[in-house]
N, C-alpha and C. Protein backbone atom coordinates (compact mmCIF):
# COMPACT_ATOMS: atom_id res chain seq x y z
N MET A 1 -6.21 7.31 -10.44
CA MET A 1 -5.32 7.56 -9.34
C MET A 1 -5.67 6.57 -8.23
N ILE A 2 -4.64 5.96 -7.68
CA ILE A 2 -4.84 5.02 -6.57
C ILE A 2 -3.97 5.47 -5.40
N TYR A 3 -4.56 5.47 -4.23
CA TYR A 3 -3.84 5.82 -3.00
C TYR A 3 -3.74 4.59 -2.12
N CYS A 4 -2.55 4.38 -1.54
CA CYS A 4 -2.27 3.18 -0.74
C CYS A 4 -1.69 3.58 0.61
N ASP A 5 -2.02 2.79 1.63
CA ASP A 5 -1.39 2.99 2.93
C ASP A 5 -1.53 1.72 3.75
N GLY A 6 -0.58 1.55 4.66
CA GLY A 6 -0.60 0.45 5.59
C GLY A 6 -0.08 0.93 6.93
N ALA A 7 -0.55 0.31 8.00
CA ALA A 7 -0.12 0.69 9.34
C ALA A 7 -0.02 -0.57 10.20
N THR A 8 0.94 -0.57 11.10
CA THR A 8 1.09 -1.66 12.06
C THR A 8 1.10 -1.05 13.46
N GLU A 9 0.19 -1.50 14.29
CA GLU A 9 -0.01 -0.94 15.63
C GLU A 9 -0.32 -2.04 16.63
N PRO A 10 -0.20 -1.86 17.92
CA PRO A 10 0.36 -0.69 18.58
C PRO A 10 1.89 -0.72 18.64
N LYS A 11 2.47 -1.79 18.11
CA LYS A 11 3.93 -1.84 18.08
C LYS A 11 4.39 -2.27 16.69
N ASN A 12 5.58 -1.84 16.36
CA ASN A 12 6.17 -2.15 15.06
C ASN A 12 7.62 -2.53 15.30
N PRO A 13 8.00 -3.76 15.00
CA PRO A 13 7.21 -4.85 14.40
C PRO A 13 6.35 -5.57 15.44
N GLY A 14 5.52 -6.45 14.93
CA GLY A 14 4.79 -7.37 15.78
C GLY A 14 3.37 -7.03 16.08
N GLY A 15 2.91 -5.87 15.69
CA GLY A 15 1.53 -5.50 15.96
C GLY A 15 0.57 -6.06 14.93
N ALA A 16 -0.65 -5.55 14.98
CA ALA A 16 -1.65 -5.87 13.97
C ALA A 16 -1.50 -4.85 12.85
N SER A 17 -1.95 -5.22 11.66
CA SER A 17 -1.83 -4.30 10.52
C SER A 17 -3.19 -3.99 9.93
N GLY A 18 -3.31 -2.75 9.48
CA GLY A 18 -4.47 -2.29 8.74
C GLY A 18 -4.00 -1.88 7.36
N ILE A 19 -4.77 -2.24 6.35
CA ILE A 19 -4.42 -1.96 4.96
C ILE A 19 -5.52 -1.10 4.35
N GLY A 20 -5.13 -0.06 3.62
CA GLY A 20 -6.11 0.79 2.96
C GLY A 20 -5.67 1.10 1.54
N CYS A 21 -6.62 1.06 0.63
CA CYS A 21 -6.33 1.32 -0.78
C CYS A 21 -7.61 1.90 -1.40
N ALA A 22 -7.47 3.04 -2.09
CA ALA A 22 -8.63 3.68 -2.70
C ALA A 22 -8.32 4.02 -4.15
N VAL A 23 -9.25 3.65 -5.02
CA VAL A 23 -9.12 3.91 -6.46
C VAL A 23 -10.06 5.07 -6.80
N PHE A 24 -9.50 6.11 -7.37
CA PHE A 24 -10.27 7.28 -7.75
C PHE A 24 -10.33 7.40 -9.27
N LYS A 25 -11.47 7.85 -9.75
CA LYS A 25 -11.62 8.28 -11.14
C LYS A 25 -12.07 9.73 -11.03
N GLY A 26 -11.12 10.61 -11.31
CA GLY A 26 -11.39 12.02 -11.03
C GLY A 26 -11.47 12.20 -9.53
N ARG A 27 -12.56 12.77 -9.06
CA ARG A 27 -12.74 12.97 -7.61
C ARG A 27 -13.62 11.90 -6.97
N GLU A 28 -14.07 10.96 -7.78
CA GLU A 28 -14.97 9.91 -7.30
C GLU A 28 -14.20 8.65 -6.94
N VAL A 29 -14.52 8.09 -5.76
CA VAL A 29 -13.94 6.81 -5.35
C VAL A 29 -14.74 5.72 -6.05
N ILE A 30 -14.04 4.91 -6.86
CA ILE A 30 -14.75 3.85 -7.58
C ILE A 30 -14.51 2.48 -6.94
N LYS A 31 -13.49 2.38 -6.11
CA LYS A 31 -13.23 1.11 -5.40
C LYS A 31 -12.38 1.42 -4.19
N GLU A 32 -12.68 0.77 -3.10
CA GLU A 32 -11.81 0.89 -1.94
C GLU A 32 -11.66 -0.47 -1.26
N TYR A 33 -10.49 -0.65 -0.71
CA TYR A 33 -10.18 -1.87 0.02
C TYR A 33 -9.66 -1.47 1.39
N SER A 34 -10.10 -2.18 2.39
CA SER A 34 -9.50 -2.03 3.71
C SER A 34 -9.67 -3.37 4.41
N TYR A 35 -8.61 -3.80 5.04
CA TYR A 35 -8.73 -5.03 5.79
C TYR A 35 -7.69 -5.09 6.90
N PHE A 36 -7.90 -6.06 7.76
CA PHE A 36 -7.16 -6.22 9.01
C PHE A 36 -6.32 -7.48 8.96
N ILE A 37 -5.10 -7.37 9.46
CA ILE A 37 -4.22 -8.53 9.61
C ILE A 37 -3.88 -8.65 11.09
N PRO A 38 -4.24 -9.76 11.74
CA PRO A 38 -3.99 -9.90 13.17
C PRO A 38 -2.50 -9.79 13.51
N ALA A 39 -2.24 -9.44 14.76
CA ALA A 39 -0.86 -9.29 15.24
C ALA A 39 -0.04 -10.53 14.95
N ASP A 40 1.20 -10.29 14.52
CA ASP A 40 2.12 -11.36 14.18
C ASP A 40 3.52 -10.79 14.29
N PRO A 41 4.48 -11.57 14.78
CA PRO A 41 5.85 -11.06 14.89
C PRO A 41 6.43 -10.58 13.55
N LYS A 42 5.91 -11.09 12.43
CA LYS A 42 6.42 -10.71 11.11
C LYS A 42 5.76 -9.46 10.54
N ASN A 43 4.74 -8.95 11.21
CA ASN A 43 4.08 -7.73 10.73
C ASN A 43 4.98 -6.52 11.00
N THR A 44 5.12 -5.68 9.99
CA THR A 44 5.84 -4.41 10.13
C THR A 44 5.10 -3.36 9.31
N ASN A 45 5.41 -2.10 9.57
CA ASN A 45 4.84 -1.04 8.74
C ASN A 45 5.20 -1.24 7.27
N ASN A 46 6.44 -1.64 7.00
CA ASN A 46 6.86 -1.84 5.61
C ASN A 46 6.08 -2.96 4.94
N VAL A 47 5.83 -4.04 5.65
CA VAL A 47 5.02 -5.13 5.11
C VAL A 47 3.61 -4.61 4.80
N ALA A 48 3.02 -3.89 5.73
CA ALA A 48 1.67 -3.36 5.53
C ALA A 48 1.62 -2.41 4.33
N GLU A 49 2.62 -1.56 4.21
CA GLU A 49 2.67 -0.64 3.07
C GLU A 49 2.76 -1.41 1.76
N TYR A 50 3.61 -2.43 1.71
CA TYR A 50 3.74 -3.22 0.48
C TYR A 50 2.45 -3.96 0.16
N ILE A 51 1.78 -4.48 1.17
CA ILE A 51 0.51 -5.18 0.92
C ILE A 51 -0.50 -4.23 0.28
N SER A 52 -0.49 -2.97 0.70
CA SER A 52 -1.42 -2.01 0.09
C SER A 52 -1.07 -1.77 -1.38
N PHE A 53 0.22 -1.68 -1.72
CA PHE A 53 0.62 -1.53 -3.12
C PHE A 53 0.25 -2.79 -3.92
N ILE A 54 0.45 -3.95 -3.33
CA ILE A 54 0.08 -5.21 -4.00
C ILE A 54 -1.41 -5.22 -4.30
N ARG A 55 -2.23 -4.78 -3.33
CA ARG A 55 -3.68 -4.73 -3.54
C ARG A 55 -4.02 -3.82 -4.71
N ALA A 56 -3.37 -2.66 -4.79
CA ALA A 56 -3.62 -1.73 -5.89
C ALA A 56 -3.24 -2.35 -7.23
N LEU A 57 -2.09 -2.98 -7.28
CA LEU A 57 -1.62 -3.60 -8.52
C LEU A 57 -2.51 -4.77 -8.92
N LYS A 58 -2.99 -5.53 -7.94
CA LYS A 58 -3.92 -6.63 -8.24
C LYS A 58 -5.22 -6.08 -8.82
N TRP A 59 -5.68 -4.95 -8.29
CA TRP A 59 -6.91 -4.36 -8.81
C TRP A 59 -6.74 -4.03 -10.30
N ILE A 60 -5.60 -3.44 -10.65
CA ILE A 60 -5.34 -3.11 -12.07
C ILE A 60 -5.37 -4.40 -12.90
N ASP A 61 -4.67 -5.42 -12.43
CA ASP A 61 -4.59 -6.68 -13.16
C ASP A 61 -5.96 -7.35 -13.27
N GLU A 62 -6.69 -7.44 -12.16
CA GLU A 62 -7.99 -8.11 -12.14
C GLU A 62 -9.04 -7.36 -12.96
N SER A 63 -8.87 -6.06 -13.10
CA SER A 63 -9.82 -5.24 -13.85
C SER A 63 -9.58 -5.31 -15.35
N CYS A 64 -8.53 -6.02 -15.75
CA CYS A 64 -8.19 -6.17 -17.17
C CYS A 64 -8.07 -4.83 -17.87
N ILE A 65 -7.50 -3.87 -17.17
CA ILE A 65 -7.29 -2.54 -17.75
C ILE A 65 -6.11 -2.61 -18.71
N THR A 66 -6.27 -1.98 -19.87
CA THR A 66 -5.17 -1.92 -20.83
C THR A 66 -5.07 -0.51 -21.40
N ASP A 67 -3.88 -0.19 -21.86
CA ASP A 67 -3.60 1.10 -22.49
C ASP A 67 -3.98 2.29 -21.60
N ALA A 68 -3.77 2.13 -20.30
CA ALA A 68 -4.11 3.20 -19.36
C ALA A 68 -2.85 3.78 -18.74
N TYR A 69 -2.96 5.00 -18.32
CA TYR A 69 -1.91 5.69 -17.59
C TYR A 69 -2.44 5.82 -16.16
N ILE A 70 -1.83 5.10 -15.23
CA ILE A 70 -2.33 5.02 -13.86
C ILE A 70 -1.23 5.44 -12.90
N THR A 71 -1.60 6.28 -11.96
CA THR A 71 -0.66 6.69 -10.92
C THR A 71 -1.08 6.07 -9.60
N ILE A 72 -0.12 5.44 -8.94
CA ILE A 72 -0.35 4.90 -7.60
C ILE A 72 0.49 5.73 -6.65
N ARG A 73 -0.16 6.27 -5.63
CA ARG A 73 0.52 7.12 -4.66
C ARG A 73 0.52 6.48 -3.28
N GLY A 74 1.65 6.65 -2.60
CA GLY A 74 1.77 6.17 -1.23
C GLY A 74 2.75 7.02 -0.46
N ASP A 75 2.67 6.94 0.86
CA ASP A 75 3.54 7.77 1.69
C ASP A 75 4.74 7.01 2.25
N SER A 76 4.98 5.81 1.75
CA SER A 76 6.17 5.05 2.15
C SER A 76 7.29 5.33 1.14
N MET A 77 8.24 6.15 1.56
CA MET A 77 9.36 6.48 0.67
C MET A 77 10.09 5.21 0.25
N MET A 78 10.27 4.27 1.20
CA MET A 78 11.00 3.05 0.87
C MET A 78 10.28 2.27 -0.23
N CYS A 79 8.99 2.04 -0.08
CA CYS A 79 8.25 1.29 -1.10
C CYS A 79 8.33 1.97 -2.46
N VAL A 80 8.10 3.26 -2.49
CA VAL A 80 8.10 4.00 -3.75
C VAL A 80 9.47 3.93 -4.41
N LYS A 81 10.52 4.18 -3.64
CA LYS A 81 11.88 4.16 -4.22
C LYS A 81 12.26 2.76 -4.70
N GLN A 82 11.86 1.73 -3.95
CA GLN A 82 12.18 0.37 -4.37
C GLN A 82 11.36 -0.04 -5.59
N LEU A 83 10.10 0.30 -5.62
CA LEU A 83 9.27 -0.03 -6.79
C LEU A 83 9.75 0.70 -8.04
N ASN A 84 10.30 1.87 -7.85
CA ASN A 84 10.85 2.63 -8.98
C ASN A 84 12.30 2.26 -9.28
N LYS A 85 12.80 1.26 -8.58
CA LYS A 85 14.16 0.74 -8.76
C LYS A 85 15.24 1.80 -8.52
N GLU A 86 14.93 2.73 -7.63
CA GLU A 86 15.90 3.75 -7.23
C GLU A 86 16.70 3.30 -6.00
N TRP A 87 16.10 2.43 -5.22
CA TRP A 87 16.76 1.87 -4.03
C TRP A 87 16.75 0.35 -4.16
N GLY A 88 17.77 -0.27 -3.59
CA GLY A 88 17.82 -1.72 -3.55
C GLY A 88 16.92 -2.28 -2.46
N ILE A 89 16.65 -3.57 -2.57
CA ILE A 89 15.89 -4.29 -1.56
C ILE A 89 16.91 -4.99 -0.69
N LYS A 90 16.88 -4.73 0.61
CA LYS A 90 17.91 -5.26 1.49
C LYS A 90 17.43 -6.52 2.19
N GLN A 91 17.05 -6.41 3.44
CA GLN A 91 16.59 -7.58 4.18
C GLN A 91 15.50 -7.17 5.14
N GLY A 92 14.74 -8.14 5.55
CA GLY A 92 13.66 -7.88 6.49
C GLY A 92 12.40 -8.61 6.07
N ALA A 93 11.40 -8.50 6.91
CA ALA A 93 10.14 -9.20 6.66
C ALA A 93 9.45 -8.73 5.38
N TYR A 94 9.75 -7.53 4.93
CA TYR A 94 9.08 -6.96 3.76
C TYR A 94 9.57 -7.52 2.43
N VAL A 95 10.73 -8.18 2.41
CA VAL A 95 11.40 -8.54 1.15
C VAL A 95 10.50 -9.33 0.20
N LYS A 96 9.84 -10.37 0.69
CA LYS A 96 9.00 -11.18 -0.22
C LYS A 96 7.84 -10.36 -0.78
N TYR A 97 7.35 -9.40 -0.01
CA TYR A 97 6.27 -8.54 -0.49
C TYR A 97 6.79 -7.55 -1.54
N ALA A 98 8.00 -7.07 -1.34
CA ALA A 98 8.62 -6.16 -2.31
C ALA A 98 8.75 -6.86 -3.66
N TYR A 99 9.25 -8.08 -3.66
CA TYR A 99 9.42 -8.80 -4.93
C TYR A 99 8.07 -9.14 -5.57
N LYS A 100 7.09 -9.43 -4.76
CA LYS A 100 5.75 -9.70 -5.30
C LYS A 100 5.18 -8.43 -5.95
N ALA A 101 5.35 -7.29 -5.29
CA ALA A 101 4.86 -6.02 -5.83
C ALA A 101 5.59 -5.68 -7.13
N ILE A 102 6.89 -5.89 -7.17
CA ILE A 102 7.67 -5.61 -8.38
C ILE A 102 7.21 -6.50 -9.54
N ALA A 103 6.96 -7.77 -9.25
CA ALA A 103 6.48 -8.68 -10.30
C ALA A 103 5.12 -8.24 -10.82
N LEU A 104 4.23 -7.83 -9.93
CA LEU A 104 2.92 -7.35 -10.36
C LEU A 104 3.03 -6.05 -11.15
N LEU A 105 3.91 -5.17 -10.71
CA LEU A 105 4.12 -3.91 -11.43
C LEU A 105 4.62 -4.19 -12.84
N ASP A 106 5.58 -5.08 -12.95
CA ASP A 106 6.09 -5.45 -14.28
C ASP A 106 4.98 -6.04 -15.15
N LYS A 107 4.13 -6.87 -14.54
CA LYS A 107 3.03 -7.49 -15.28
C LYS A 107 2.04 -6.46 -15.80
N VAL A 108 1.58 -5.56 -14.93
CA VAL A 108 0.57 -4.59 -15.38
C VAL A 108 1.17 -3.55 -16.31
N ASN A 109 2.48 -3.33 -16.20
CA ASN A 109 3.13 -2.36 -17.10
C ASN A 109 3.32 -2.90 -18.51
N LYS A 110 3.04 -4.17 -18.74
CA LYS A 110 3.10 -4.71 -20.10
C LYS A 110 1.99 -4.13 -20.97
N ASN A 111 0.87 -3.78 -20.33
CA ASN A 111 -0.28 -3.27 -21.07
C ASN A 111 -0.68 -1.85 -20.66
N ASN A 112 0.05 -1.25 -19.73
CA ASN A 112 -0.29 0.05 -19.19
C ASN A 112 0.98 0.81 -18.85
N THR A 113 0.79 2.05 -18.45
CA THR A 113 1.87 2.83 -17.88
C THR A 113 1.47 3.14 -16.44
N VAL A 114 2.14 2.49 -15.51
CA VAL A 114 1.84 2.69 -14.09
C VAL A 114 2.99 3.46 -13.47
N ILE A 115 2.66 4.59 -12.90
CA ILE A 115 3.63 5.45 -12.25
C ILE A 115 3.43 5.33 -10.74
N ILE A 116 4.52 5.13 -10.02
CA ILE A 116 4.48 5.05 -8.56
C ILE A 116 5.05 6.36 -8.02
N GLU A 117 4.26 7.06 -7.21
CA GLU A 117 4.68 8.36 -6.69
C GLU A 117 4.62 8.39 -5.16
N TRP A 118 5.61 9.05 -4.58
CA TRP A 118 5.59 9.31 -3.14
C TRP A 118 4.82 10.60 -2.88
N ILE A 119 4.01 10.56 -1.83
CA ILE A 119 3.32 11.77 -1.35
C ILE A 119 3.48 11.83 0.16
N PRO A 120 3.44 13.02 0.73
CA PRO A 120 3.51 13.11 2.19
C PRO A 120 2.25 12.51 2.82
N ARG A 121 2.38 12.06 4.05
CA ARG A 121 1.26 11.43 4.77
C ARG A 121 0.02 12.32 4.76
N VAL A 122 0.20 13.63 4.90
CA VAL A 122 -0.96 14.53 4.96
C VAL A 122 -1.75 14.55 3.65
N LYS A 123 -1.14 14.12 2.55
CA LYS A 123 -1.85 14.06 1.27
C LYS A 123 -2.36 12.65 0.97
N ASN A 124 -2.21 11.76 1.95
CA ASN A 124 -2.65 10.37 1.77
C ASN A 124 -3.74 10.03 2.79
N GLU A 125 -4.51 11.04 3.13
CA GLU A 125 -5.48 10.91 4.22
C GLU A 125 -6.54 9.83 3.98
N TYR A 126 -7.03 9.72 2.76
CA TYR A 126 -8.10 8.76 2.49
C TYR A 126 -7.63 7.33 2.77
N ALA A 127 -6.49 6.95 2.18
CA ALA A 127 -5.98 5.59 2.39
C ALA A 127 -5.55 5.38 3.84
N ASP A 128 -4.98 6.41 4.45
CA ASP A 128 -4.58 6.33 5.85
C ASP A 128 -5.79 6.05 6.74
N THR A 129 -6.88 6.76 6.47
CA THR A 129 -8.11 6.56 7.24
C THR A 129 -8.63 5.13 7.07
N LEU A 130 -8.58 4.61 5.86
CA LEU A 130 -9.03 3.23 5.63
C LEU A 130 -8.20 2.24 6.44
N SER A 131 -6.89 2.42 6.45
CA SER A 131 -6.02 1.47 7.18
C SER A 131 -6.24 1.58 8.69
N LYS A 132 -6.38 2.78 9.18
CA LYS A 132 -6.58 2.98 10.63
C LYS A 132 -7.96 2.50 11.07
N LYS A 133 -8.97 2.65 10.19
CA LYS A 133 -10.32 2.20 10.50
C LYS A 133 -10.34 0.71 10.82
N GLU A 134 -9.58 -0.06 10.05
CA GLU A 134 -9.54 -1.50 10.28
C GLU A 134 -8.92 -1.83 11.64
N LEU A 135 -7.90 -1.09 12.01
CA LEU A 135 -7.28 -1.30 13.32
C LEU A 135 -8.26 -0.94 14.44
N GLU A 136 -8.91 0.21 14.30
CA GLU A 136 -9.86 0.66 15.32
C GLU A 136 -11.05 -0.30 15.45
N LYS A 137 -11.53 -0.84 14.33
CA LYS A 137 -12.65 -1.81 14.38
C LYS A 137 -12.26 -3.04 15.19
N ASN A 138 -10.97 -3.32 15.24
CA ASN A 138 -10.47 -4.50 15.95
C ASN A 138 -9.85 -4.13 17.30
N ASN A 139 -10.21 -2.97 17.79
CA ASN A 139 -9.80 -2.50 19.12
C ASN A 139 -8.28 -2.39 19.29
N ILE A 140 -7.60 -2.00 18.22
CA ILE A 140 -6.15 -1.81 18.29
C ILE A 140 -5.89 -0.32 18.53
N LYS A 141 -5.09 -0.03 19.53
CA LYS A 141 -4.78 1.36 19.86
C LYS A 141 -3.83 1.94 18.81
N ILE A 142 -4.18 3.12 18.33
CA ILE A 142 -3.36 3.85 17.36
C ILE A 142 -2.45 4.78 18.16
N THR A 143 -1.15 4.65 17.94
CA THR A 143 -0.20 5.52 18.64
C THR A 143 -0.03 6.82 17.88
N GLU A 144 0.32 7.85 18.57
CA GLU A 144 0.54 9.17 17.94
C GLU A 144 1.88 9.16 17.23
N ARG A 145 1.91 9.73 16.04
CA ARG A 145 3.15 9.87 15.28
C ARG A 145 3.24 11.28 14.77
N SER A 146 4.46 11.78 14.64
CA SER A 146 4.61 13.14 14.10
C SER A 146 4.57 13.12 12.60
């Protein structure tokens, strides 16, 4: 199971982004990624979310995993629906990341079964914490969201 999240703060678009991705085997975290992307006018929450999915898919590819059933969970409805080809890709800064994620998903699905699932933010706490930690380490203010 892999959990992904991305955040852009203190403004969206244009803020800094934090990326979080955690790979679990059972209840044990076997790999985690978190990193910071400095503020840029092209940064958006959707871009950050896609980068987290790309990181997860790269981990599968780089680990040379085959014949596995892997679930990747994220709280971005848009990313999940687009990766599952339920929604079209329209326009915006996220588009090139969406196509990169789809290409990676297609690649890893040649040797595996990768399922992309939406979960509510409250069930994505580990990855959310990783993404926010990177922002806080870089003195970026986290805004309150419902």
